Protein backbone atom coordinates (compact mmCIF):
# COMPACT_ATOMS: atom_id res chain seq x y z
CA MET A 1 -11.42 -88.16 17.32
CA ALA A 2 -10.55 -84.97 19.09
CA ASP A 3 -10.80 -84.65 22.79
CA PRO A 4 -14.15 -82.98 23.64
CA SER A 5 -12.51 -80.88 26.29
CA LEU A 6 -10.15 -79.31 23.72
CA VAL A 7 -12.97 -78.61 21.30
CA ARG A 8 -15.07 -77.09 24.05
CA GLY A 9 -12.11 -75.02 25.17
CA SER A 10 -11.57 -73.64 21.68
CA LEU A 11 -15.23 -72.74 21.28
CA ILE A 12 -15.28 -71.10 24.66
CA GLU A 13 -12.07 -69.26 23.83
CA GLY A 14 -13.46 -68.17 20.47
CA ALA A 15 -16.69 -67.11 22.05
CA GLY A 16 -14.78 -65.22 24.68
CA ILE A 17 -12.75 -63.36 22.09
CA PHE A 18 -15.88 -62.55 20.13
CA HIS A 19 -17.58 -61.14 23.24
CA GLY A 20 -14.46 -59.32 24.43
CA GLU A 21 -13.78 -61.82 27.31
CA PRO A 22 -10.92 -64.15 26.29
CA ALA A 23 -10.84 -67.55 27.98
CA LYS A 24 -7.64 -69.26 29.03
CA SER A 25 -6.72 -72.40 27.12
CA SER A 26 -5.49 -75.46 28.88
CA ALA A 27 -1.97 -74.80 27.67
CA ALA A 28 -2.09 -71.26 28.93
CA ALA A 29 -3.57 -72.44 32.22
CA GLU A 30 -0.69 -74.84 32.69
CA GLY A 31 1.85 -72.02 32.10
CA PHE A 32 3.17 -73.07 28.69
CA LEU A 33 1.88 -69.92 26.84
CA PRO A 34 1.46 -66.33 28.07
CA PRO A 35 -2.10 -65.10 28.25
CA PRO A 36 -3.10 -62.87 25.29
CA ALA A 37 -3.29 -59.13 25.88
CA PRO A 38 -6.79 -57.75 26.24
CA LEU A 39 -8.15 -55.91 23.21
CA PRO A 40 -9.25 -52.29 23.54
CA PRO A 41 -12.92 -51.64 24.20
CA PRO A 42 -15.12 -51.02 21.20
CA ALA A 43 -15.11 -47.51 19.74
CA SER A 44 -17.49 -45.08 21.34
CA ARG A 45 -20.45 -43.77 19.47
CA ALA A 46 -20.00 -40.82 17.11
CA SER A 47 -22.28 -38.75 19.29
CA ASP A 48 -19.88 -39.17 22.22
CA ARG A 49 -16.95 -37.67 20.32
CA PRO A 50 -16.13 -33.99 21.00
CA VAL A 51 -17.42 -31.66 18.31
CA PRO A 52 -14.81 -29.03 17.39
CA THR A 53 -15.89 -25.40 17.46
CA PHE A 54 -14.71 -22.57 15.21
CA GLY A 55 -12.50 -20.94 17.81
CA ALA A 56 -11.04 -24.12 19.23
CA PRO A 57 -8.18 -24.75 16.78
CA MET A 58 -6.18 -21.66 17.80
CA ASP A 59 -4.02 -21.43 20.90
CA PRO A 60 -3.73 -18.23 22.97
CA PRO A 61 -1.15 -15.68 21.74
CA ASN A 62 2.33 -16.96 22.34
CA PRO A 63 5.11 -14.54 21.42
CA THR A 64 7.83 -17.14 21.99
CA THR A 65 6.61 -19.22 19.06
CA GLY A 66 7.35 -16.39 16.64
CA SER A 67 3.77 -15.72 15.53
CA PHE A 68 1.71 -12.55 15.74
CA PHE A 69 -1.31 -14.33 17.25
CA GLY A 70 0.00 -17.76 18.26
CA ALA A 71 0.45 -21.17 16.64
CA PRO A 72 -2.22 -23.66 15.49
CA SER A 73 -3.32 -26.18 18.13
CA GLU A 74 -2.86 -29.95 18.03
CA ARG A 75 -6.54 -30.55 17.24
CA SER A 76 -6.10 -29.13 13.72
CA ALA A 77 -3.55 -31.86 12.95
CA LEU A 78 -6.06 -34.63 13.75
CA PHE A 79 -9.36 -33.42 12.31
CA PRO A 80 -9.54 -32.15 8.70
CA GLN A 81 -12.45 -29.83 9.40
CA ASP A 82 -10.51 -28.26 12.26
CA ARG A 83 -7.47 -27.89 10.00
CA LEU A 84 -9.54 -25.98 7.43
CA ARG A 85 -11.10 -23.74 10.03
CA SER A 86 -7.72 -23.14 11.63
CA ALA A 87 -6.27 -22.11 8.26
CA GLN A 88 -9.17 -19.72 7.67
CA ALA A 89 -8.86 -18.17 11.11
CA ASN A 90 -5.08 -17.91 10.76
CA TRP A 91 -5.43 -16.22 7.36
CA LEU A 92 -7.87 -13.65 8.73
CA GLN A 93 -5.63 -12.94 11.70
CA ASN A 94 -2.57 -12.54 9.49
CA LEU A 95 -4.46 -10.15 7.24
CA THR A 96 -5.61 -8.16 10.26
CA SER A 97 -2.10 -7.97 11.64
CA LEU A 98 -0.67 -6.83 8.29
CA ALA A 99 -3.34 -4.15 7.93
CA SER A 100 -2.68 -2.91 11.46
CA VAL A 101 1.09 -2.77 11.01
CA VAL A 102 0.70 -0.88 7.72
CA LEU A 103 -2.23 1.46 8.30
CA LEU A 104 -1.72 2.69 11.85
CA PRO A 105 1.85 4.05 11.33
CA TRP A 106 0.92 5.38 7.88
CA LEU A 107 -2.13 7.25 9.13
CA SER A 108 0.00 8.71 11.92
CA PHE A 109 2.58 9.83 9.34
CA VAL A 110 -0.08 11.43 7.12
CA ALA A 111 -1.76 13.28 9.99
CA VAL A 112 1.49 14.70 11.36
CA ILE A 113 3.13 15.71 8.07
CA PHE A 114 0.03 17.39 6.62
CA THR A 115 -0.75 19.41 9.74
CA THR A 116 2.89 20.36 10.31
CA ALA A 117 3.65 21.34 6.73
CA LEU A 118 0.43 22.96 5.49
CA LEU A 119 -1.32 24.79 8.32
CA PRO A 120 -0.81 28.58 8.48
CA PRO A 121 1.54 30.23 10.99
CA THR A 122 -1.33 31.35 13.20
CA THR A 123 -2.03 30.44 16.78
CA VAL A 124 -4.90 28.14 15.83
CA GLY A 125 -2.87 26.43 13.08
CA ARG A 126 0.13 25.81 15.30
CA VAL A 127 -2.07 24.53 18.17
CA ILE A 128 -3.76 22.03 15.85
CA ALA A 129 -0.43 20.84 14.47
CA GLY A 130 1.03 20.52 17.96
CA SER A 131 -2.02 18.63 19.25
CA VAL A 132 -1.85 16.09 16.42
CA ALA A 133 1.86 15.57 17.08
CA VAL A 134 1.29 15.08 20.83
CA VAL A 135 -1.54 12.59 20.26
CA THR A 136 0.58 10.58 17.84
CA LEU A 137 3.52 10.52 20.23
CA ALA A 138 1.27 9.48 23.12
CA MET A 139 -0.20 6.66 21.03
CA GLY A 140 3.29 5.35 20.26
CA ALA A 141 4.22 5.48 23.95
CA LEU A 142 0.98 3.65 24.84
CA LEU A 143 1.77 0.87 22.38
CA VAL A 144 5.20 0.50 23.98
CA GLN A 145 3.56 0.03 27.39
CA VAL A 146 1.09 -2.50 25.99
CA HIS A 147 3.94 -4.52 24.50
CA LEU A 148 5.92 -4.47 27.75
CA HIS A 149 2.92 -5.83 29.66
CA SER A 150 1.56 -8.32 27.13
CA LYS A 151 4.75 -9.41 25.31
CA VAL A 152 2.71 -9.81 22.11
CA VAL A 153 4.89 -9.37 19.04
CA ILE A 154 2.48 -7.22 17.03
CA TYR A 155 2.51 -4.43 19.63
CA LYS A 156 6.28 -4.25 19.45
CA TYR A 157 6.12 -3.64 15.70
CA LEU A 158 3.24 -1.19 16.00
CA SER A 159 4.99 0.90 18.65
CA ALA A 160 8.30 0.99 16.79
CA LEU A 161 6.76 1.86 13.42
CA THR A 162 4.43 4.48 14.90
CA LEU A 163 7.26 6.28 16.68
CA LEU A 164 9.41 6.10 13.55
CA ALA A 165 6.56 7.55 11.49
CA PHE A 166 6.20 10.38 14.00
CA VAL A 167 9.89 11.29 13.82
CA LEU A 168 9.96 11.21 10.01
CA ALA A 169 6.71 13.17 9.63
CA ILE A 170 7.63 15.92 12.09
CA SER A 171 11.09 16.34 10.50
CA LEU A 172 9.97 16.34 6.86
CA GLY A 173 6.89 18.43 7.61
CA TRP A 174 8.95 21.12 9.30
CA VAL A 175 11.37 21.27 6.35
CA ILE A 176 8.48 21.74 3.91
CA TYR A 177 6.89 24.37 6.13
CA ASP A 178 10.13 26.28 6.61
CA ARG A 179 11.16 26.33 2.96
CA THR A 180 7.86 26.53 1.10
CA THR A 181 4.63 26.97 3.04
CA LEU A 182 5.66 29.78 5.38
CA GLN A 183 6.60 32.11 2.52
CA TYR A 184 3.27 31.36 0.83
CA TRP A 185 1.21 32.23 3.92
CA LEU A 186 3.18 35.42 4.58
CA ASN A 187 2.88 36.56 0.95
CA LYS A 188 -0.77 35.57 0.58
CA ASN A 189 -2.15 38.86 1.93
CA ARG A 190 0.55 41.06 0.43
CA GLU A 191 -0.06 42.99 -2.75
CA SER A 192 1.78 42.57 -6.04
CA LEU A 193 3.10 45.79 -7.62
CA THR A 194 3.16 46.45 -11.34
CA GLY A 195 4.81 49.12 -13.47
CA MET A 196 7.89 49.35 -11.24
CA SER A 197 11.10 50.99 -12.44
CA ALA A 198 14.46 49.45 -11.60
CA SER A 199 15.86 52.95 -11.01
CA GLN A 200 13.01 53.87 -8.67
CA SER A 201 13.22 53.88 -4.86
CA THR A 202 12.54 50.51 -3.25
CA ALA A 203 10.59 51.96 -0.31
CA THR A 204 7.23 51.10 -1.90
CA ALA A 205 8.25 47.53 -2.75
CA LEU A 206 9.60 46.42 0.62
CA ASP A 207 6.27 44.86 1.66
CA ALA A 208 5.23 43.57 -1.77
CA ALA A 209 4.82 39.88 -2.57
CA ALA A 210 5.88 40.33 -6.20
CA VAL A 211 6.93 43.16 -8.52
CA THR A 212 6.48 43.58 -12.26
CA PHE A 213 8.88 45.99 -13.96
CA LEU A 214 8.45 48.27 -16.92
CA PRO A 215 9.40 47.02 -20.39
CA GLY A 216 13.12 47.30 -21.05
CA THR A 217 14.13 46.01 -17.62
CA ARG A 218 16.48 43.04 -17.70
CA VAL A 219 18.96 41.02 -15.69
CA ASP A 220 22.57 42.01 -16.33
CA THR A 221 24.17 38.57 -16.72
CA ARG A 222 27.61 40.09 -17.34
CA ARG A 223 28.08 41.33 -13.77
CA ILE A 224 27.22 38.35 -11.64
CA LEU A 225 28.69 36.75 -8.55
CA GLY A 226 28.56 33.18 -7.23
CA PHE A 227 29.06 33.50 -3.49
CA ARG A 228 29.86 30.75 -1.01
CA SER A 229 30.14 31.18 2.72
CA ALA A 230 32.86 29.22 4.48
CA GLU A 231 30.90 29.07 7.74
CA GLU A 232 27.18 29.01 6.91
CA ASP A 233 25.75 26.63 4.32
CA PRO A 234 29.17 26.04 2.71
CA GLY A 235 27.89 23.59 0.09
CA THR A 236 25.51 26.05 -1.60
CA THR A 237 26.39 28.72 -4.15
CA TYR A 238 24.34 31.90 -3.77
CA CYS A 239 24.08 33.54 -7.18
CA ILE A 240 23.26 37.20 -7.67
CA ALA A 241 22.97 39.59 -10.65
CA PRO A 242 21.75 43.22 -10.91
CA VAL A 243 18.33 44.12 -12.36
CA LEU A 244 18.78 47.26 -14.51
CA ASP A 245 16.94 49.52 -16.85
CA LEU A 246 18.55 52.21 -19.02
CA VAL A 247 18.61 54.83 -16.28
CA ALA A 248 20.03 52.48 -13.65
CA ALA A 249 22.65 51.23 -16.10
CA GLU A 250 23.82 54.77 -16.85
CA LEU A 251 23.99 55.65 -13.17
CA SER A 252 25.59 52.28 -12.24
CA GLU A 253 23.14 52.00 -9.38
CA VAL A 254 21.47 48.76 -8.32
CA ARG A 255 18.34 48.58 -6.20
CA TYR A 256 17.00 45.16 -7.27
CA TRP A 257 18.94 41.91 -7.52
CA ALA A 258 17.91 38.68 -9.24
CA VAL A 259 18.99 35.76 -7.07
CA GLY A 260 19.06 31.96 -6.92
CA THR A 261 21.05 29.07 -5.53
CA ASP A 262 23.40 26.73 -7.42
CA CYS A 263 22.55 28.28 -10.80
CA CYS A 264 25.79 30.00 -11.74
CA GLU A 265 29.56 29.82 -11.70
CA PRO A 266 31.65 32.21 -9.61
CA ALA A 267 31.59 34.96 -12.30
CA TRP A 268 29.57 33.68 -15.25
CA GLY A 269 26.74 31.37 -16.39
CA PHE A 270 23.87 32.99 -14.47
CA SER A 271 20.70 30.97 -15.24
CA CYS A 272 18.59 31.44 -12.12
CA GLY A 273 14.84 31.52 -12.59
CA ALA A 274 13.75 32.96 -15.95
CA SER A 275 16.80 35.20 -16.33
CA LEU A 276 17.53 33.85 -19.82
CA SER A 277 14.01 34.60 -21.06
CA THR A 278 13.62 37.78 -23.11
CA THR A 279 10.00 38.24 -22.06
CA ALA A 280 10.45 37.90 -18.29
CA ARG A 281 10.34 41.14 -16.31
CA SER A 282 8.91 40.29 -12.88
CA GLY A 283 10.10 38.68 -9.69
CA VAL A 284 8.92 37.17 -6.39
CA VAL A 285 10.29 39.18 -3.49
CA ILE A 286 12.55 37.29 -1.07
CA ARG A 287 12.64 38.73 2.42
CA ASP A 288 13.88 37.96 5.88
CA LEU A 289 10.99 35.91 7.28
CA GLN A 290 10.64 35.83 11.03
CA GLY A 291 10.18 32.27 12.22
CA SER A 292 11.93 30.70 9.23
CA THR A 293 15.50 29.63 9.81
CA ARG A 294 16.08 28.89 6.14
CA ALA A 295 14.67 32.21 4.87
CA ALA A 296 16.69 34.20 7.40
CA LEU A 297 19.91 32.44 6.39
CA GLN A 298 19.24 32.93 2.67
CA TYR A 299 18.51 36.61 3.09
CA LYS A 300 21.68 37.13 5.08
CA LEU A 301 23.88 35.38 2.52
CA TYR A 302 22.21 37.18 -0.40
CA LYS A 303 22.94 40.46 1.32
CA GLU A 304 26.61 39.55 1.75
CA ALA A 305 26.80 38.50 -1.91
CA ALA A 306 25.25 41.83 -3.01
CA GLU A 307 27.81 43.78 -1.02
CA GLN A 308 30.68 41.85 -2.60
CA ALA A 309 29.23 42.15 -6.11
CA ALA A 310 28.73 45.91 -5.72
CA ALA A 311 32.33 46.29 -4.56
CA MET A 312 33.66 44.04 -7.37
CA TYR A 313 31.82 45.85 -10.20
CA GLN A 314 31.86 49.31 -8.56
CA LEU A 315 28.10 49.61 -8.38
CA GLY A 316 26.19 51.94 -6.13
CA THR A 317 23.45 50.57 -3.86
CA PRO A 318 21.25 53.46 -2.70
CA GLY A 319 18.60 52.53 -0.19
CA GLU A 320 17.77 48.98 0.86
CA SER A 321 18.32 46.29 -1.73
CA ILE A 322 15.46 44.00 -2.75
CA PHE A 323 16.10 40.44 -3.86
CA VAL A 324 13.75 38.75 -6.32
CA THR A 325 13.43 35.40 -8.04
CA TRP A 326 13.19 36.36 -11.70
CA SER A 327 10.02 35.03 -13.33
CA GLU A 328 7.67 35.44 -16.27
CA ASP A 329 4.64 35.31 -13.93
CA ALA A 330 5.73 36.26 -10.43
CA GLU A 331 2.19 36.87 -9.18
CA GLY A 332 1.19 33.35 -10.16
CA GLU A 333 4.25 31.83 -8.51
CA VAL A 334 3.31 33.40 -5.19
CA GLY A 335 0.29 31.07 -4.97
CA PHE A 336 2.24 28.09 -6.28
CA GLY A 337 4.04 27.65 -2.95
CA PHE A 338 1.10 25.92 -1.27
CA ASP A 339 0.52 23.62 -4.25
CA LEU A 340 4.19 22.64 -4.16
CA ALA A 341 4.05 21.90 -0.44
CA LEU A 342 0.91 19.80 -0.92
CA LEU A 343 2.62 17.87 -3.72
CA TYR A 344 5.61 17.16 -1.47
CA CYS A 345 3.33 15.84 1.29
CA CYS A 346 1.43 13.56 -1.11
CA ILE A 347 4.63 12.12 -2.61
CA LEU A 348 6.19 11.49 0.79
CA SER A 349 2.97 9.86 2.05
CA ALA A 350 2.87 7.53 -0.96
CA ILE A 351 6.52 6.58 -0.44
CA HIS A 352 5.88 5.90 3.24
CA LEU A 353 2.88 3.71 2.39
CA MET A 354 4.92 1.60 -0.04
CA LEU A 355 7.76 1.22 2.45
CA SER A 356 5.25 0.29 5.18
CA VAL A 357 3.75 -2.47 3.04
CA VAL A 358 7.17 -3.88 2.17
CA GLY A 359 8.41 -3.62 5.75
CA ALA A 360 5.29 -5.25 7.22
CA ALA A 361 5.47 -8.12 4.72
CA PHE A 362 9.15 -8.63 5.49
CA MET A 363 8.63 -8.66 9.25
CA HIS A 364 5.59 -10.91 8.97
CA SER A 365 7.44 -13.38 6.76
CA GLY A 366 10.20 -13.61 9.34
CA VAL A 367 7.73 -14.40 12.11
CA ARG A 368 6.38 -17.89 11.48
CA PRO A 369 4.77 -20.22 13.99
CA LYS A 370 6.90 -23.15 15.10
CA ALA A 371 5.29 -26.47 14.31
CA LYS A 372 4.46 -28.61 17.31
CA PRO A 373 5.25 -32.33 17.17
CA LEU A 374 2.23 -34.48 16.33
CA GLN A 375 1.14 -36.40 19.40
CA ILE A 376 -0.79 -39.57 18.55
CA PRO A 377 -3.48 -40.48 21.09
CA PRO A 378 -3.04 -43.82 22.94
CA LEU A 379 -6.03 -45.32 21.12
CA MET A 380 -4.54 -44.67 17.68
CA ALA A 381 -1.08 -45.80 18.80
CA ARG A 382 -2.50 -49.10 20.10
CA TYR A 383 -4.40 -49.60 16.85
CA GLN A 384 -1.27 -49.05 14.75
CA SER A 385 0.75 -51.49 16.88
CA LEU A 386 -1.87 -54.22 16.52
CA LYS A 387 -2.11 -53.59 12.80
CA ALA A 388 1.63 -53.99 12.44
């Protein structure tokens, strides 16, 4: 029969374990066995556990982790509902950052290029274009300052892309304005003359936007010249050919010249404008435009080419020569300049938008949050050790 003291000790020990107060056995009391480690207290009630909120799973912005808005917190790794909410919040923030990086520089590009390229050469038009450019530049500089103070990654991208959009828009817009829009605005209020004779004085046509000649007037494609300047615009061939009627051909006098660029060989193959058409007998007047660097250079080189062609073919040039772009509908082409400039602006804006989307996606894909190591709470670690 067992010793009653041992049986009582076991019951007491068992009762102690059951109630969370282990009793020492006789063997343990005498030092033969180490006392058992105390078990953790019972789990707290569900109502005592912290309830996660919607904004809790996200840490503050941390540019060193490589994320636009920061990395997910450690709570989302422990609670499934927090993980879902963290993913939703992270997705919305990523979408917001992508939209900001794409739309803000693109809208700046559109505003600057349209106002620079399309507005008329009046005081009001130039003031509006200059104001838009200054505001865009100031916004880019402000984003730079915000990035320097906050060190948030998204402001670095926004400032760089906004300033780049400003430089591209102001450069491309000025090229379109100088080569296309300015001539349209200056010719808009000029009259188009009809019934002109190629042997007639050019005094009445100096201020015309376009001229339409009498039937029988044609471009003499046998006496042409492809002129290249060694100093100014050396890569462009300035082509020129006389516009003659029967009287001018008999007198060997040229008052009007059909012109174009890169549309002929040095002494043959003139195909500028509609010169090969048998029904064309009109032309858009090309003049020395004040305020246009390109137009002034073209007029100067056309004039040098006309002088050389007249000397080569022994042609007289009474009065001031007029240069025209040969066309079947010169009056209609005068108004086409604005439509062409608008088309250029729309195409360039679409290209910039596509490049902005690709660039923003590329930069965003290269900026990923660094995963933090999972830290197991002491309670869970103790439970896993006892289970093992």
